[in-house]
Amino acid sequence: QVQLVESGGGSVQPGGSLRLSCAASGSSYNKGYCMAWFRQTPGHERERVGIIDSDGTAIYKDSVAGRFTISKDNAKNTLTLQMNSVKPEDTAMYYCAANRPTGLFCSRRRGPTDFDHWGQGTQVTVSL
């Protein structure tokens, strides 16, 4: 089993910064897992914000590239999303996701159905 717990969400003004964390635990989890951040707004599908492979290689959604950074701390089993220069359109519920490093390459896991494990989500609101 794998448990994921997000934290760090909240309200921030446009242009500000926010740091989300995801703590991973469970007997099945290991540093080889493919990890990702997704986000979702009401009435819309959950979309991938970025993904990070076991070697630290990260891929980002175009609209957040250069503003957001995903990192992993394998010693602490923690995934982080550093959000800088946030915009109102970044407002969403943010989810941490994980999947075993088997089958589909991590970089090709683009949709929610490509991940088996999810956190409960943390809300990010960007407004004046």
Protein backbone atom coordinates (compact mmCIF):
# COMPACT_ATOMS: atom_id res chain seq x y z
CA GLN A 1 0.00 0.00 0.00
CA VAL A 2 0.98 3.58 -0.60
CA GLN A 3 -0.34 6.63 1.23
CA LEU A 4 0.10 10.17 -0.01
CA VAL A 5 -0.65 13.24 2.07
CA GLU A 6 -0.48 16.74 0.60
CA SER A 7 0.04 19.93 2.54
CA GLY A 8 0.92 23.56 1.97
CA GLY A 9 -2.10 24.80 0.06
CA GLY A 10 -3.75 28.11 0.80
CA SER A 11 -4.46 31.55 -0.59
CA VAL A 12 -1.86 33.67 -2.33
CA GLN A 13 -1.88 36.85 -4.37
CA PRO A 14 -1.01 36.87 -8.06
CA GLY A 15 2.73 36.96 -8.52
CA GLY A 16 3.33 35.30 -5.18
CA SER A 17 4.74 31.91 -4.27
CA LEU A 18 3.48 28.78 -2.60
CA ARG A 19 5.11 25.48 -1.77
CA LEU A 20 3.17 22.24 -1.74
CA SER A 21 4.44 19.05 -0.18
CA CYS A 22 3.42 15.44 -0.51
CA ALA A 23 4.52 12.89 2.07
CA ALA A 24 4.64 9.34 0.78
CA SER A 25 4.51 6.28 2.98
CA GLY A 26 3.54 2.63 2.96
CA SER A 27 5.16 -0.74 2.66
CA SER A 28 5.06 -0.69 -1.13
CA TYR A 29 6.51 2.76 -1.67
CA ASN A 30 10.10 3.24 -2.72
CA LYS A 31 12.17 5.97 -4.32
CA GLY A 32 11.75 4.34 -7.72
CA TYR A 33 8.11 5.38 -7.94
CA CYS A 34 6.96 7.76 -10.66
CA MET A 35 5.50 10.85 -8.97
CA ALA A 36 3.34 13.64 -10.30
CA TRP A 37 1.27 16.68 -9.42
CA PHE A 38 -2.18 17.09 -10.91
CA ARG A 39 -4.76 19.82 -10.48
CA GLN A 40 -8.46 20.07 -10.97
CA THR A 41 -11.09 22.80 -11.03
CA PRO A 42 -14.84 22.26 -10.76
CA GLY A 43 -16.34 20.94 -13.97
CA HIS A 44 -12.98 20.17 -15.51
CA GLU A 45 -10.88 17.07 -15.88
CA ARG A 46 -7.89 16.53 -13.64
CA GLU A 47 -4.79 17.69 -15.53
CA ARG A 48 -1.15 16.87 -15.05
CA VAL A 49 0.93 19.80 -13.81
CA GLY A 50 4.22 17.98 -13.87
CA ILE A 51 5.89 14.65 -13.39
CA ILE A 52 9.20 13.52 -11.97
CA ASP A 53 10.95 10.26 -12.60
CA SER A 54 13.08 8.32 -10.15
CA ASP A 55 16.23 9.92 -11.57
CA GLY A 56 14.89 13.41 -10.89
CA THR A 57 13.97 14.24 -14.47
CA ALA A 58 10.91 16.48 -14.46
CA ILE A 59 8.45 17.41 -17.19
CA TYR A 60 5.99 20.28 -16.88
CA LYS A 61 2.74 21.42 -18.37
CA ASP A 62 3.52 24.28 -20.78
CA SER A 63 1.56 26.86 -18.82
CA VAL A 64 3.60 26.29 -15.64
CA ALA A 65 7.04 25.63 -17.12
CA GLY A 66 9.52 28.20 -15.82
CA ARG A 67 7.27 29.06 -12.86
CA PHE A 68 6.78 25.73 -11.10
CA THR A 69 9.45 23.29 -9.95
CA ILE A 70 8.96 19.70 -8.86
CA SER A 71 11.53 18.02 -6.67
CA LYS A 72 11.90 14.86 -4.63
CA ASP A 73 13.64 14.20 -1.34
CA ASN A 74 14.19 10.46 -1.38
CA ALA A 75 15.55 10.41 2.15
CA LYS A 76 12.32 11.93 3.46
CA ASN A 77 9.97 10.35 0.90
CA THR A 78 8.67 13.80 0.09
CA LEU A 79 7.55 15.34 -3.18
CA THR A 80 7.48 19.12 -3.48
CA LEU A 81 5.87 21.57 -5.88
CA GLN A 82 7.36 25.04 -5.70
CA MET A 83 4.95 27.48 -7.30
CA ASN A 84 6.32 30.91 -8.23
CA SER A 85 4.76 33.83 -10.10
CA VAL A 86 1.36 32.28 -9.57
CA LYS A 87 -1.62 33.39 -11.63
CA PRO A 88 -5.36 33.31 -10.96
CA GLU A 89 -5.64 30.46 -13.46
CA ASP A 90 -3.46 28.35 -11.16
CA THR A 91 -6.36 28.23 -8.72
CA ALA A 92 -7.32 24.58 -8.30
CA MET A 93 -7.26 21.57 -6.05
CA TYR A 94 -3.78 20.08 -6.31
CA TYR A 95 -3.20 16.35 -6.01
CA CYS A 96 -0.10 14.26 -5.55
CA ALA A 97 -0.01 10.99 -7.50
CA ALA A 98 2.30 8.00 -7.57
CA ASN A 99 2.75 4.80 -9.50
CA ARG A 100 5.08 1.85 -9.46
CA PRO A 101 7.94 2.08 -11.96
CA THR A 102 6.61 -0.78 -14.08
CA GLY A 103 4.97 -0.88 -17.47
CA LEU A 104 4.47 2.56 -18.95
CA PHE A 105 7.47 4.89 -18.78
CA CYS A 106 7.03 7.61 -16.20
CA SER A 107 7.19 10.41 -18.77
CA ARG A 108 4.31 8.84 -20.69
CA ARG A 109 1.96 8.75 -17.70
CA ARG A 110 -0.11 11.74 -18.77
CA GLY A 111 -3.57 11.16 -17.35
CA PRO A 112 -5.19 10.32 -14.03
CA THR A 113 -5.81 6.73 -15.08
CA ASP A 114 -2.06 6.21 -15.38
CA PHE A 115 -1.64 6.52 -11.61
CA ASP A 116 -2.77 4.10 -8.93
CA HIS A 117 -2.17 6.16 -5.81
CA TRP A 118 -3.54 9.58 -4.90
CA GLY A 119 -3.52 12.02 -2.06
CA GLN A 120 -6.62 13.78 -0.78
CA GLY A 121 -5.70 17.08 -2.40
CA THR A 122 -4.86 20.56 -1.17
CA GLN A 123 -6.59 23.72 -2.34
CA VAL A 124 -4.66 26.57 -3.91
CA THR A 125 -6.43 29.87 -4.47
CA VAL A 126 -4.77 32.76 -6.30
CA SER A 127 -6.59 36.07 -5.96
CA LEU A 128 -6.17 39.66 -4.86
